[in-house]
């Protein structure tokens, strides 16, 4: 595949709460990682400041790109 694909990051987005996701397009275009505000805690938490959420979402991007699949069977 193409080397040095970038990743676009969206933090504190208005598109959701209590979630995060990673969109993995075909090789070449940038992947997109979205982090939202977690409102289930007091005070609210920013998903972009939670290392476990960031690593989890980037792992989706890596496995989707490397295996080209959306299920665990592709691993």
PDB file of N, CA and C in Angstrom:
ATOM      1  N   UNK A   1       0.798  -1.182   0.000  1.00  0.00           N
ATOM      2  CA  UNK A   1       0.000   0.000   0.000  1.00  0.00           C
ATOM      3  C   UNK A   1       0.846   1.253   0.000  1.00  0.00           C
ATOM      4  N   UNK A   2       0.195   2.374  -0.020  1.00  0.00           N
ATOM      5  CA  UNK A   2       0.842   3.675  -0.026  1.00  0.00           C
ATOM      6  C   UNK A   2       1.359   3.980   1.376  1.00  0.00           C
ATOM      7  N   UNK A   3       2.613   4.411   1.480  1.00  0.00           N
ATOM      8  CA  UNK A   3       3.178   4.767   2.778  1.00  0.00           C
ATOM      9  C   UNK A   3       2.752   6.163   3.203  1.00  0.00           C
ATOM     10  N   UNK A   4       2.838   6.406   4.479  1.00  0.00           N
ATOM     11  CA  UNK A   4       2.649   7.729   5.080  1.00  0.00           C
ATOM     12  C   UNK A   4       1.237   8.281   4.934  1.00  0.00           C
ATOM     13  N   UNK A   5       0.221   7.409   4.924  1.00  0.00           N
ATOM     14  CA  UNK A   5      -1.149   7.916   4.945  1.00  0.00           C
ATOM     15  C   UNK A   5      -1.351   8.682   6.248  1.00  0.00           C
ATOM     16  N   UNK A   6      -1.957   9.841   6.167  1.00  0.00           N
ATOM     17  CA  UNK A   6      -2.197  10.621   7.384  1.00  0.00           C
ATOM     18  C   UNK A   6      -3.513  10.184   8.025  1.00  0.00           C
ATOM     19  N   UNK A   7      -3.742  10.651   9.234  1.00  0.00           N
ATOM     20  CA  UNK A   7      -4.987  10.430   9.950  1.00  0.00           C
ATOM     21  C   UNK A   7      -5.535  11.792  10.337  1.00  0.00           C
ATOM     22  N   UNK A   8      -6.784  12.039   9.997  1.00  0.00           N
ATOM     23  CA  UNK A   8      -7.456  13.269  10.402  1.00  0.00           C
ATOM     24  C   UNK A   8      -8.116  13.019  11.752  1.00  0.00           C
ATOM     25  N   UNK A   9      -7.908  13.938  12.691  1.00  0.00           N
ATOM     26  CA  UNK A   9      -8.485  13.809  14.028  1.00  0.00           C
ATOM     27  C   UNK A   9      -9.560  14.868  14.228  1.00  0.00           C
ATOM     28  N   UNK A  10     -10.688  14.446  14.761  1.00  0.00           N
ATOM     29  CA  UNK A  10     -11.760  15.357  15.125  1.00  0.00           C
ATOM     30  C   UNK A  10     -12.032  15.144  16.611  1.00  0.00           C
ATOM     31  N   UNK A  11     -11.889  16.196  17.400  1.00  0.00           N
ATOM     32  CA  UNK A  11     -12.097  16.070  18.843  1.00  0.00           C
ATOM     33  C   UNK A  11     -13.210  17.004  19.297  1.00  0.00           C
ATOM     34  N   UNK A  12     -13.915  16.595  20.325  1.00  0.00           N
ATOM     35  CA  UNK A  12     -15.040  17.351  20.881  1.00  0.00           C
ATOM     36  C   UNK A  12     -16.062  17.685  19.801  1.00  0.00           C
ATOM     37  N   UNK A  13     -16.259  16.756  18.882  1.00  0.00           N
ATOM     38  CA  UNK A  13     -17.181  16.981  17.771  1.00  0.00           C
ATOM     39  C   UNK A  13     -18.628  17.032  18.217  1.00  0.00           C
ATOM     40  N   UNK A  14     -19.447  17.775  17.481  1.00  0.00           N
ATOM     41  CA  UNK A  14     -20.857  17.897  17.820  1.00  0.00           C
ATOM     42  C   UNK A  14     -21.684  16.696  17.356  1.00  0.00           C
ATOM     43  N   UNK A  15     -21.054  15.733  16.666  1.00  0.00           N
ATOM     44  CA  UNK A  15     -21.793  14.621  16.070  1.00  0.00           C
ATOM     45  C   UNK A  15     -22.151  13.493  17.007  1.00  0.00           C
ATOM     46  N   UNK A  16     -21.810  13.589  18.280  1.00  0.00           N
ATOM     47  CA  UNK A  16     -22.147  12.510  19.192  1.00  0.00           C
ATOM     48  C   UNK A  16     -21.606  12.749  20.583  1.00  0.00           C
ATOM     49  N   UNK A  17     -21.937  11.848  21.477  1.00  0.00           N
ATOM     50  CA  UNK A  17     -21.402  11.842  22.833  1.00  0.00           C
ATOM     51  C   UNK A  17     -21.151  10.396  23.240  1.00  0.00           C
ATOM     52  N   UNK A  18     -20.313  10.222  24.244  1.00  0.00           N
ATOM     53  CA  UNK A  18     -20.071   8.910  24.841  1.00  0.00           C
ATOM     54  C   UNK A  18     -19.630   7.864  23.822  1.00  0.00           C
ATOM     55  N   UNK A  19     -18.790   8.287  22.883  1.00  0.00           N
ATOM     56  CA  UNK A  19     -18.371   7.380  21.829  1.00  0.00           C
ATOM     57  C   UNK A  19     -17.105   7.901  21.169  1.00  0.00           C
ATOM     58  N   UNK A  20     -16.538   7.062  20.327  1.00  0.00           N
ATOM     59  CA  UNK A  20     -15.407   7.409  19.475  1.00  0.00           C
ATOM     60  C   UNK A  20     -15.451   6.442  18.305  1.00  0.00           C
ATOM     61  N   UNK A  21     -14.883   6.822  17.159  1.00  0.00           N
ATOM     62  CA  UNK A  21     -14.864   5.902  16.027  1.00  0.00           C
ATOM     63  C   UNK A  21     -13.699   6.214  15.113  1.00  0.00           C
ATOM     64  N   UNK A  22     -13.391   5.273  14.249  1.00  0.00           N
ATOM     65  CA  UNK A  22     -12.310   5.422  13.281  1.00  0.00           C
ATOM     66  C   UNK A  22     -12.825   4.930  11.944  1.00  0.00           C
ATOM     67  N   UNK A  23     -12.814   5.799  10.952  1.00  0.00           N
ATOM     68  CA  UNK A  23     -13.228   5.459   9.593  1.00  0.00           C
ATOM     69  C   UNK A  23     -11.982   5.155   8.773  1.00  0.00           C
ATOM     70  N   UNK A  24     -11.952   3.966   8.166  1.00  0.00           N
ATOM     71  CA  UNK A  24     -10.778   3.531   7.412  1.00  0.00           C
ATOM     72  C   UNK A  24     -11.139   3.391   5.937  1.00  0.00           C
ATOM     73  N   UNK A  25     -10.769   4.364   5.100  1.00  0.00           N
ATOM     74  CA  UNK A  25     -11.039   4.251   3.666  1.00  0.00           C
ATOM     75  C   UNK A  25     -10.019   3.323   2.999  1.00  0.00           C
ATOM     76  N   UNK A  26     -10.184   3.041   1.720  1.00  0.00           N
ATOM     77  CA  UNK A  26      -9.173   2.259   1.002  1.00  0.00           C
ATOM     78  C   UNK A  26      -7.808   2.939   1.088  1.00  0.00           C
ATOM     79  N   UNK A  27      -6.751   2.196   0.782  1.00  0.00           N
ATOM     80  CA  UNK A  27      -5.384   2.703   0.874  1.00  0.00           C
ATOM     81  C   UNK A  27      -5.211   3.989   0.076  1.00  0.00           C
ATOM     82  N   UNK A  28      -4.568   4.970   0.666  1.00  0.00           N
ATOM     83  CA  UNK A  28      -4.300   6.253   0.000  1.00  0.00           C
ATOM     84  C   UNK A  28      -4.947   7.424   0.699  1.00  0.00           C
ATOM     85  N   UNK A  29      -6.303   7.504   0.740  1.00  0.00           N
ATOM     86  CA  UNK A  29      -6.955   8.609   1.443  1.00  0.00           C
ATOM     87  C   UNK A  29      -6.737   8.500   2.955  1.00  0.00           C
ATOM     88  N   UNK A  30      -6.811   9.629   3.669  1.00  0.00           N
ATOM     89  CA  UNK A  30      -6.580   9.593   5.117  1.00  0.00           C
ATOM     90  C   UNK A  30      -7.718   8.924   5.874  1.00  0.00           C
ATOM     91  N   UNK A  31      -7.359   8.231   6.952  1.00  0.00           N
ATOM     92  CA  UNK A  31      -8.369   7.733   7.870  1.00  0.00           C
ATOM     93  C   UNK A  31      -8.862   8.887   8.732  1.00  0.00           C
ATOM     94  N   UNK A  32     -10.032   8.715   9.343  1.00  0.00           N
ATOM     95  CA  UNK A  32     -10.584   9.760  10.196  1.00  0.00           C
ATOM     96  C   UNK A  32     -10.927   9.177  11.557  1.00  0.00           C
ATOM     97  N   UNK A  33     -10.374   9.782  12.594  1.00  0.00           N
ATOM     98  CA  UNK A  33     -10.646   9.372  13.966  1.00  0.00           C
ATOM     99  C   UNK A  33     -11.467  10.476  14.630  1.00  0.00           C
ATOM    100  N   UNK A  34     -12.593  10.095  15.223  1.00  0.00           N
ATOM    101  CA  UNK A  34     -13.469  11.066  15.876  1.00  0.00           C
ATOM    102  C   UNK A  34     -13.580  10.729  17.359  1.00  0.00           C
ATOM    103  N   UNK A  35     -13.376  11.737  18.182  1.00  0.00           N
ATOM    104  CA  UNK A  35     -13.479  11.595  19.634  1.00  0.00           C
ATOM    105  C   UNK A  35     -14.550  12.561  20.130  1.00  0.00           C
ATOM    106  N   UNK A  36     -15.414  12.060  20.982  1.00  0.00           N
ATOM    107  CA  UNK A  36     -16.505  12.882  21.489  1.00  0.00           C
ATOM    108  C   UNK A  36     -16.363  13.104  22.998  1.00  0.00           C
ATOM    109  N   UNK A  37     -17.203  13.956  23.515  1.00  0.00           N
ATOM    110  CA  UNK A  37     -17.253  14.224  24.950  1.00  0.00           C
ATOM    111  C   UNK A  37     -18.072  13.117  25.627  1.00  0.00           C
ATOM    112  N   UNK A  38     -17.552  12.646  26.755  1.00  0.00           N
ATOM    113  CA  UNK A  38     -18.255  11.631  27.538  1.00  0.00           C
ATOM    114  C   UNK A  38     -19.047  12.342  28.631  1.00  0.00           C
ATOM    115  N   UNK A  39     -20.376  12.227  28.555  1.00  0.00           N
ATOM    116  CA  UNK A  39     -21.254  12.939  29.483  1.00  0.00           C
ATOM    117  C   UNK A  39     -21.769  12.042  30.612  1.00  0.00           C
ATOM    118  N   UNK A  40     -21.319  10.797  30.659  1.00  0.00           N
ATOM    119  CA  UNK A  40     -21.763   9.873  31.704  1.00  0.00           C
ATOM    120  C   UNK A  40     -20.974  10.041  32.993  1.00  0.00           C
ATOM    121  N   UNK A  41     -19.980  10.925  32.969  1.00  0.00           N
ATOM    122  CA  UNK A  41     -19.146  11.162  34.140  1.00  0.00           C
ATOM    123  C   UNK A  41     -19.340  12.590  34.637  1.00  0.00           C
ATOM    124  N   UNK A  42     -19.011  12.806  35.885  1.00  0.00           N
ATOM    125  CA  UNK A  42     -19.042  14.157  36.445  1.00  0.00           C
ATOM    126  C   UNK A  42     -17.650  14.447  36.981  1.00  0.00           C
ATOM    127  N   UNK A  43     -16.952  15.392  36.438  1.00  0.00           N
ATOM    128  CA  UNK A  43     -17.317  16.219  35.289  1.00  0.00           C
ATOM    129  C   UNK A  43     -17.218  15.417  33.988  1.00  0.00           C
ATOM    130  N   UNK A  44     -17.728  16.000  32.906  1.00  0.00           N
ATOM    131  CA  UNK A  44     -17.629  15.370  31.598  1.00  0.00           C
ATOM    132  C   UNK A  44     -16.167  15.147  31.243  1.00  0.00           C
ATOM    133  N   UNK A  45     -15.896  14.111  30.447  1.00  0.00           N
ATOM    134  CA  UNK A  45     -14.528  13.774  30.054  1.00  0.00           C
ATOM    135  C   UNK A  45     -14.367  13.929  28.547  1.00  0.00           C
ATOM    136  N   UNK A  46     -13.192  14.356  28.127  1.00  0.00           N
ATOM    137  CA  UNK A  46     -12.857  14.490  26.713  1.00  0.00           C
ATOM    138  C   UNK A  46     -12.192  13.198  26.261  1.00  0.00           C
ATOM    139  N   UNK A  47     -12.818  12.475  25.331  1.00  0.00           N
ATOM    140  CA  UNK A  47     -12.267  11.219  24.847  1.00  0.00           C
ATOM    141  C   UNK A  47     -10.881  11.356  24.250  1.00  0.00           C
ATOM    142  N   UNK A  48     -10.556  12.530  23.724  1.00  0.00           N
ATOM    143  CA  UNK A  48      -9.244  12.753  23.107  1.00  0.00           C
ATOM    144  C   UNK A  48      -8.126  12.803  24.147  1.00  0.00           C
ATOM    145  N   UNK A  49      -8.476  12.885  25.422  1.00  0.00           N
ATOM    146  CA  UNK A  49      -7.470  12.912  26.483  1.00  0.00           C
ATOM    147  C   UNK A  49      -7.376  11.575  27.217  1.00  0.00           C
ATOM    148  N   UNK A  50      -8.086  10.573  26.726  1.00  0.00           N
ATOM    149  CA  UNK A  50      -8.083   9.247  27.340  1.00  0.00           C
ATOM    150  C   UNK A  50      -7.253   8.301  26.477  1.00  0.00           C
ATOM    151  N   UNK A  51      -6.053   7.959  26.943  1.00  0.00           N
ATOM    152  CA  UNK A  51      -5.140   7.135  26.144  1.00  0.00           C
ATOM    153  C   UNK A  51      -5.750   5.819  25.694  1.00  0.00           C
ATOM    154  N   UNK A  52      -6.529   5.161  26.554  1.00  0.00           N
ATOM    155  CA  UNK A  52      -7.087   3.869  26.168  1.00  0.00           C
ATOM    156  C   UNK A  52      -8.060   4.000  25.005  1.00  0.00           C
ATOM    157  N   UNK A  53      -8.811   5.083  24.945  1.00  0.00           N
ATOM    158  CA  UNK A  53      -9.740   5.293  23.833  1.00  0.00           C
ATOM    159  C   UNK A  53      -8.966   5.567  22.548  1.00  0.00           C
ATOM    160  N   UNK A  54      -7.941   6.378  22.624  1.00  0.00           N
ATOM    161  CA  UNK A  54      -7.132   6.697  21.443  1.00  0.00           C
ATOM    162  C   UNK A  54      -6.495   5.426  20.886  1.00  0.00           C
ATOM    163  N   UNK A  55      -5.870   4.633  21.738  1.00  0.00           N
ATOM    164  CA  UNK A  55      -5.224   3.391  21.284  1.00  0.00           C
ATOM    165  C   UNK A  55      -6.261   2.436  20.702  1.00  0.00           C
ATOM    166  N   UNK A  56      -7.404   2.320  21.343  1.00  0.00           N
ATOM    167  CA  UNK A  56      -8.468   1.445  20.853  1.00  0.00           C
ATOM    168  C   UNK A  56      -8.890   1.833  19.435  1.00  0.00           C
ATOM    169  N   UNK A  57      -9.134   3.122  19.216  1.00  0.00           N
ATOM    170  CA  UNK A  57      -9.591   3.571  17.895  1.00  0.00           C
ATOM    171  C   UNK A  57      -8.497   3.430  16.834  1.00  0.00           C
ATOM    172  N   UNK A  58      -7.261   3.747  17.167  1.00  0.00           N
ATOM    173  CA  UNK A  58      -6.176   3.575  16.191  1.00  0.00           C
ATOM    174  C   UNK A  58      -5.986   2.102  15.841  1.00  0.00           C
ATOM    175  N   UNK A  59      -6.236   1.212  16.804  1.00  0.00           N
ATOM    176  CA  UNK A  59      -6.153  -0.218  16.510  1.00  0.00           C
ATOM    177  C   UNK A  59      -7.194  -0.615  15.476  1.00  0.00           C
ATOM    178  N   UNK A  60      -8.386  -0.029  15.551  1.00  0.00           N
ATOM    179  CA  UNK A  60      -9.382  -0.270  14.496  1.00  0.00           C
ATOM    180  C   UNK A  60      -8.824   0.150  13.137  1.00  0.00           C
ATOM    181  N   UNK A  61      -8.228   1.312  13.080  1.00  0.00           N
ATOM    182  CA  UNK A  61      -7.671   1.795  11.816  1.00  0.00           C
ATOM    183  C   UNK A  61      -6.592   0.886  11.274  1.00  0.00           C
ATOM    184  N   UNK A  62      -5.714   0.420  12.146  1.00  0.00           N
ATOM    185  CA  UNK A  62      -4.619  -0.447  11.706  1.00  0.00           C
ATOM    186  C   UNK A  62      -5.146  -1.792  11.231  1.00  0.00           C
ATOM    187  N   UNK A  63      -5.997  -2.427  12.031  1.00  0.00           N
ATOM    188  CA  UNK A  63      -6.471  -3.754  11.643  1.00  0.00           C
ATOM    189  C   UNK A  63      -7.357  -3.698  10.409  1.00  0.00           C
ATOM    190  N   UNK A  64      -8.180  -2.669  10.287  1.00  0.00           N
ATOM    191  CA  UNK A  64      -9.014  -2.550   9.082  1.00  0.00           C
ATOM    192  C   UNK A  64      -8.161  -2.353   7.846  1.00  0.00           C
ATOM    193  N   UNK A  65      -7.109  -1.579   7.938  1.00  0.00           N
ATOM    194  CA  UNK A  65      -6.251  -1.323   6.784  1.00  0.00           C
ATOM    195  C   UNK A  65      -5.397  -2.540   6.450  1.00  0.00           C
ATOM    196  N   UNK A  66      -4.848  -3.196   7.478  1.00  0.00           N
ATOM    197  CA  UNK A  66      -3.957  -4.334   7.229  1.00  0.00           C
ATOM    198  C   UNK A  66      -4.698  -5.560   6.722  1.00  0.00           C
ATOM    199  N   UNK A  67      -5.921  -5.769   7.227  1.00  0.00           N
ATOM    200  CA  UNK A  67      -6.644  -6.987   6.889  1.00  0.00           C
ATOM    201  C   UNK A  67      -7.769  -6.756   5.899  1.00  0.00           C
ATOM    202  N   UNK A  68      -8.127  -5.488   5.683  1.00  0.00           N
ATOM    203  CA  UNK A  68      -9.192  -5.124   4.750  1.00  0.00           C
ATOM    204  C   UNK A  68     -10.491  -5.820   5.103  1.00  0.00           C
ATOM    205  N   UNK A  69     -10.798  -5.860   6.376  1.00  0.00           N
ATOM    206  CA  UNK A  69     -12.031  -6.504   6.779  1.00  0.00           C
ATOM    207  C   UNK A  69     -12.644  -5.853   7.989  1.00  0.00           C
ATOM    208  N   UNK A  70     -13.919  -6.148   8.198  1.00  0.00           N
ATOM    209  CA  UNK A  70     -14.631  -5.507   9.298  1.00  0.00           C
ATOM    210  C   UNK A  70     -15.045  -6.487  10.388  1.00  0.00           C
ATOM    211  N   UNK A  71     -14.600  -7.740  10.307  1.00  0.00           N
ATOM    212  CA  UNK A  71     -14.953  -8.710  11.333  1.00  0.00           C
ATOM    213  C   UNK A  71     -13.690  -9.320  11.924  1.00  0.00           C
ATOM    214  N   UNK A  72     -13.820  -9.935  13.077  1.00  0.00           N
ATOM    215  CA  UNK A  72     -12.689 -10.584  13.717  1.00  0.00           C
ATOM    216  C   UNK A  72     -12.144 -11.751  12.912  1.00  0.00           C
ATOM    217  N   UNK A  73     -12.960 -12.323  12.024  1.00  0.00           N
ATOM    218  CA  UNK A  73     -12.513 -13.465  11.221  1.00  0.00           C
ATOM    219  C   UNK A  73     -11.416 -13.076  10.244  1.00  0.00           C
ATOM    220  N   UNK A  74     -11.319 -11.798   9.904  1.00  0.00           N
ATOM    221  CA  UNK A  74     -10.302 -11.375   8.938  1.00  0.00           C
ATOM    222  C   UNK A  74      -8.916 -11.347   9.562  1.00  0.00           C
ATOM    223  N   UNK A  75      -8.826 -11.387  10.899  1.00  0.00           N
ATOM    224  CA  UNK A  75      -7.531 -11.384  11.569  1.00  0.00           C
ATOM    225  C   UNK A  75      -6.972 -12.768  11.531  1.00  0.00           C
TER     226      UNK A  75
END
